[in-house]
């Protein structure tokens, strides 16, 4: 494909199975001048798998504020770049928003490719309504957490959350307390990987399950909306 100068390409990468990447994404990653990676060591596994030797540079939540201006300047000078995260679509609960906004404000072209993201397969296989839903991403860790849960408890649309393995049991307990222990929910973890699993039940049942079975992997929690 023809790579445009002064353009940043937002490229989704597999959330687990390396085969879940499009031909177009591979073409972009091969032909741009620089790939911005959340973690270059993680991204190198994917790039090596497909024999892509494009130069890489770290771009993550700890350096994005101080590197945005320099990257925009390089793009203005005619450089082409791709932005990827460790897994899934950049800027969806991952770094990317700041750079995309800065590029648009500078009049630069941003092209976002379609591709993998964890919450869509988890939502679909939950069995809850998919025509209207709320994607919340990660809940606040401390300040504002309970008030946000209280707001979500009144939501009539399906609610989708991301959560880490060391926080999932606590989150399920808090959701059960605020939304009611009998609220139906579904948890998908390790999506597209060898030990992919989806567990369905009430919030209370899911809390008991993952208390008894120490959780591993990244989690997508899908909660049925309020009746």
Protein backbone atom coordinates (compact mmCIF):
# COMPACT_ATOMS: atom_id res chain seq x y z
CA UNK A 1 0.00 0.00 0.00
CA UNK A 2 1.05 3.62 -0.43
CA UNK A 3 2.24 5.15 2.85
CA UNK A 4 1.50 8.86 3.11
CA UNK A 5 4.10 11.29 4.52
CA UNK A 6 3.25 13.37 7.60
CA UNK A 7 0.73 10.71 8.61
CA UNK A 8 0.34 8.61 11.71
CA UNK A 9 -1.34 5.23 11.36
CA UNK A 10 -3.10 3.83 14.44
CA UNK A 11 -2.68 0.06 14.09
CA UNK A 12 -4.45 -2.52 16.28
CA UNK A 13 -2.39 -5.58 17.20
CA UNK A 14 -3.50 -9.06 18.36
CA UNK A 15 -4.76 -9.40 21.92
CA UNK A 16 -3.29 -12.90 22.12
CA UNK A 17 -3.27 -15.00 18.97
CA UNK A 18 -0.66 -13.54 16.61
CA UNK A 19 -2.72 -14.64 13.59
CA UNK A 20 -5.35 -12.03 14.45
CA UNK A 21 -3.78 -9.22 12.44
CA UNK A 22 -4.83 -7.92 9.03
CA UNK A 23 -2.74 -7.89 5.85
CA UNK A 24 -3.16 -4.13 5.75
CA UNK A 25 -1.79 -3.74 9.29
CA UNK A 26 1.27 -5.80 8.42
CA UNK A 27 1.80 -3.73 5.30
CA UNK A 28 1.66 -0.47 7.25
CA UNK A 29 4.03 -1.72 9.94
CA UNK A 30 6.49 -2.82 7.26
CA UNK A 31 6.44 0.42 5.29
CA UNK A 32 6.26 3.30 7.79
CA UNK A 33 9.51 4.92 8.92
CA UNK A 34 8.92 4.46 12.66
CA UNK A 35 6.71 2.36 14.93
CA UNK A 36 5.72 3.80 18.31
CA UNK A 37 5.32 0.96 20.82
CA UNK A 38 3.89 0.83 24.32
CA UNK A 39 6.68 -1.65 25.17
CA UNK A 40 9.24 -2.32 22.46
CA UNK A 41 10.10 -5.73 23.98
CA UNK A 42 6.50 -6.89 23.77
CA UNK A 43 6.03 -5.50 20.26
CA UNK A 44 9.27 -7.07 19.05
CA UNK A 45 7.74 -10.54 19.46
CA UNK A 46 5.00 -9.64 16.98
CA UNK A 47 7.35 -7.82 14.60
CA UNK A 48 9.89 -10.65 14.61
CA UNK A 49 7.12 -13.17 13.99
CA UNK A 50 6.27 -11.36 10.74
CA UNK A 51 9.88 -10.41 9.85
CA UNK A 52 9.24 -6.68 10.21
CA UNK A 53 12.42 -4.71 10.87
CA UNK A 54 11.00 -1.17 10.99
CA UNK A 55 12.70 0.95 13.71
CA UNK A 56 10.74 1.22 16.96
CA UNK A 57 10.49 3.78 19.74
CA UNK A 58 8.85 3.62 23.18
CA UNK A 59 5.63 5.58 23.60
CA UNK A 60 3.76 4.81 26.81
CA UNK A 61 1.78 6.38 29.63
CA UNK A 62 4.93 7.46 31.49
CA UNK A 63 6.49 9.43 28.63
CA UNK A 64 3.61 10.41 26.34
CA UNK A 65 3.20 13.93 27.73
CA UNK A 66 6.84 14.86 27.25
CA UNK A 67 7.27 13.20 23.84
CA UNK A 68 4.13 14.33 22.01
CA UNK A 69 5.49 17.67 20.80
CA UNK A 70 8.66 16.10 19.38
CA UNK A 71 6.71 13.41 17.56
CA UNK A 72 4.35 15.97 16.05
CA UNK A 73 7.35 17.96 14.86
CA UNK A 74 8.84 14.88 13.17
CA UNK A 75 5.52 14.20 11.47
CA UNK A 76 5.31 17.79 10.28
CA UNK A 77 8.70 17.33 8.67
CA UNK A 78 7.28 14.53 6.53
CA UNK A 79 7.87 11.40 8.60
CA UNK A 80 5.38 8.52 8.61
CA UNK A 81 4.69 6.60 11.80
CA UNK A 82 2.56 3.78 13.15
CA UNK A 83 1.24 3.71 16.70
CA UNK A 84 0.68 0.34 18.35
CA UNK A 85 0.04 -0.84 21.92
CA UNK A 86 1.01 -4.10 23.60
CA UNK A 87 -2.32 -5.60 22.56
CA UNK A 88 -5.52 -4.38 20.94
CA UNK A 89 -6.37 -0.93 19.61
CA UNK A 90 -4.25 2.03 20.78
CA UNK A 91 -6.08 4.74 22.77
CA UNK A 92 -8.68 2.22 24.03
CA UNK A 93 -7.56 1.95 27.69
CA UNK A 94 -4.03 2.36 26.30
CA UNK A 95 -1.82 5.32 25.35
CA UNK A 96 -2.70 7.11 22.12
CA UNK A 97 -5.37 9.71 22.74
CA UNK A 98 -2.92 12.54 23.49
CA UNK A 99 -0.91 11.93 20.31
CA UNK A 100 -3.98 11.58 18.10
CA UNK A 101 -5.42 14.83 19.47
CA UNK A 102 -2.12 16.69 19.06
CA UNK A 103 -1.76 15.46 15.47
CA UNK A 104 -5.27 16.57 14.56
CA UNK A 105 -4.73 19.96 16.17
CA UNK A 106 -1.56 20.35 14.09
CA UNK A 107 -3.43 19.54 10.90
CA UNK A 108 -1.71 16.18 10.43
CA UNK A 109 -3.44 13.16 8.97
CA UNK A 110 -4.48 10.34 11.31
CA UNK A 111 -5.54 7.01 9.79
CA UNK A 112 -6.96 4.39 12.14
CA UNK A 113 -7.08 0.79 10.95
CA UNK A 114 -9.77 -1.63 12.16
CA UNK A 115 -8.69 -4.61 14.19
CA UNK A 116 -8.62 -6.46 17.50
CA UNK A 117 -9.97 -5.13 20.78
CA UNK A 118 -10.89 -7.28 23.77
CA UNK A 119 -14.26 -5.88 24.76
CA UNK A 120 -16.13 -6.70 21.54
CA UNK A 121 -15.77 -10.53 21.66
CA UNK A 122 -16.41 -10.47 25.41
CA UNK A 123 -19.57 -8.42 24.90
CA UNK A 124 -20.89 -10.61 22.11
CA UNK A 125 -20.35 -13.90 23.92
CA UNK A 126 -21.80 -12.61 27.18
CA UNK A 127 -25.28 -13.14 25.79
CA UNK A 128 -26.40 -9.68 26.98
CA UNK A 129 -27.89 -7.05 24.64
CA UNK A 130 -25.29 -5.64 22.25
CA UNK A 131 -27.35 -3.01 20.45
CA UNK A 132 -26.58 -0.42 23.12
CA UNK A 133 -23.80 -0.70 25.69
CA UNK A 134 -21.48 1.35 27.89
CA UNK A 135 -17.74 0.77 27.69
CA UNK A 136 -16.21 1.99 30.95
CA UNK A 137 -12.65 0.67 30.59
CA UNK A 138 -10.85 0.53 33.94
CA UNK A 139 -12.64 1.89 37.00
CA UNK A 140 -10.84 4.51 39.11
CA UNK A 141 -8.57 2.70 41.56
CA UNK A 142 -9.46 4.85 44.56
CA UNK A 143 -10.98 8.31 44.29
CA UNK A 144 -14.41 8.26 42.68
CA UNK A 145 -14.60 4.47 42.40
CA UNK A 146 -17.73 3.89 44.51
CA UNK A 147 -19.56 6.89 43.09
CA UNK A 148 -18.87 5.65 39.57
CA UNK A 149 -20.15 2.19 40.47
CA UNK A 150 -23.29 3.76 41.88
CA UNK A 151 -23.87 5.54 38.57
CA UNK A 152 -23.28 2.35 36.60
CA UNK A 153 -25.72 0.48 38.86
CA UNK A 154 -28.53 2.60 37.39
CA UNK A 155 -27.40 2.10 33.79
CA UNK A 156 -29.98 0.21 31.69
CA UNK A 157 -27.48 -0.57 28.91
CA UNK A 158 -25.01 -3.45 29.11
CA UNK A 159 -21.87 -2.34 30.98
CA UNK A 160 -18.37 -3.44 29.95
CA UNK A 161 -15.34 -3.09 32.25
CA UNK A 162 -11.66 -4.01 32.05
CA UNK A 163 -9.96 -5.34 35.16
CA UNK A 164 -6.63 -6.80 36.24
CA UNK A 165 -6.25 -10.24 37.88
CA UNK A 166 -5.21 -8.87 41.27
CA UNK A 167 -8.24 -6.57 41.45
CA UNK A 168 -11.03 -8.61 39.83
CA UNK A 169 -12.35 -10.31 43.02
CA UNK A 170 -12.51 -6.98 44.84
CA UNK A 171 -14.29 -5.39 41.87
CA UNK A 172 -16.85 -8.21 41.71
CA UNK A 173 -17.51 -7.83 45.45
CA UNK A 174 -18.00 -4.09 45.10
CA UNK A 175 -20.26 -4.51 42.06
CA UNK A 176 -22.35 -7.08 43.95
CA UNK A 177 -22.66 -4.72 46.89
CA UNK A 178 -23.72 -1.73 44.79
CA UNK A 179 -25.67 -3.41 41.96
CA UNK A 180 -27.06 -6.36 43.89
CA UNK A 181 -25.60 -9.88 44.24
CA UNK A 182 -28.08 -11.36 41.75
CA UNK A 183 -27.20 -9.06 38.82
CA UNK A 184 -26.27 -11.31 35.85
CA UNK A 185 -22.73 -10.89 34.55
CA UNK A 186 -20.09 -12.54 32.38
CA UNK A 187 -16.31 -12.60 32.59
CA UNK A 188 -14.00 -13.39 29.69
CA UNK A 189 -10.27 -13.79 30.22
CA UNK A 190 -7.25 -14.73 28.13
CA UNK A 191 -9.26 -14.05 24.96
CA UNK A 192 -7.86 -15.69 21.78
CA UNK A 193 -5.21 -17.53 23.83
CA UNK A 194 -4.86 -21.25 24.61
CA UNK A 195 -6.67 -21.00 27.97
CA UNK A 196 -9.44 -18.63 26.90
CA UNK A 197 -12.39 -18.81 29.29
CA UNK A 198 -15.79 -17.21 29.70
CA UNK A 199 -17.66 -17.68 32.98
CA UNK A 200 -21.28 -16.57 33.35
CA UNK A 201 -23.44 -16.19 36.44
CA UNK A 202 -24.52 -13.62 38.99
CA UNK A 203 -22.01 -11.15 40.39
CA UNK A 204 -22.02 -13.10 43.64
CA UNK A 205 -21.42 -16.41 41.85
CA UNK A 206 -18.57 -14.94 39.83
CA UNK A 207 -16.98 -13.54 42.98
CA UNK A 208 -17.15 -16.98 44.59
CA UNK A 209 -15.74 -18.65 41.47
CA UNK A 210 -12.70 -16.42 41.18
CA UNK A 211 -12.11 -16.51 44.92
CA UNK A 212 -11.91 -20.30 44.68
CA UNK A 213 -9.94 -20.25 41.41
CA UNK A 214 -7.10 -17.69 41.65
CA UNK A 215 -7.52 -15.46 38.59
CA UNK A 216 -4.89 -15.17 35.87
CA UNK A 217 -4.78 -13.10 32.71
CA UNK A 218 -6.56 -9.93 31.68
CA UNK A 219 -10.30 -9.71 32.38
CA UNK A 220 -13.32 -8.24 30.63
CA UNK A 221 -16.34 -7.97 32.92
CA UNK A 222 -19.72 -7.59 31.20
CA UNK A 223 -22.72 -6.74 33.39
CA UNK A 224 -26.37 -6.83 32.35
CA UNK A 225 -28.05 -3.46 32.53
CA UNK A 226 -30.61 -2.62 35.18
CA UNK A 227 -34.10 -3.86 34.39
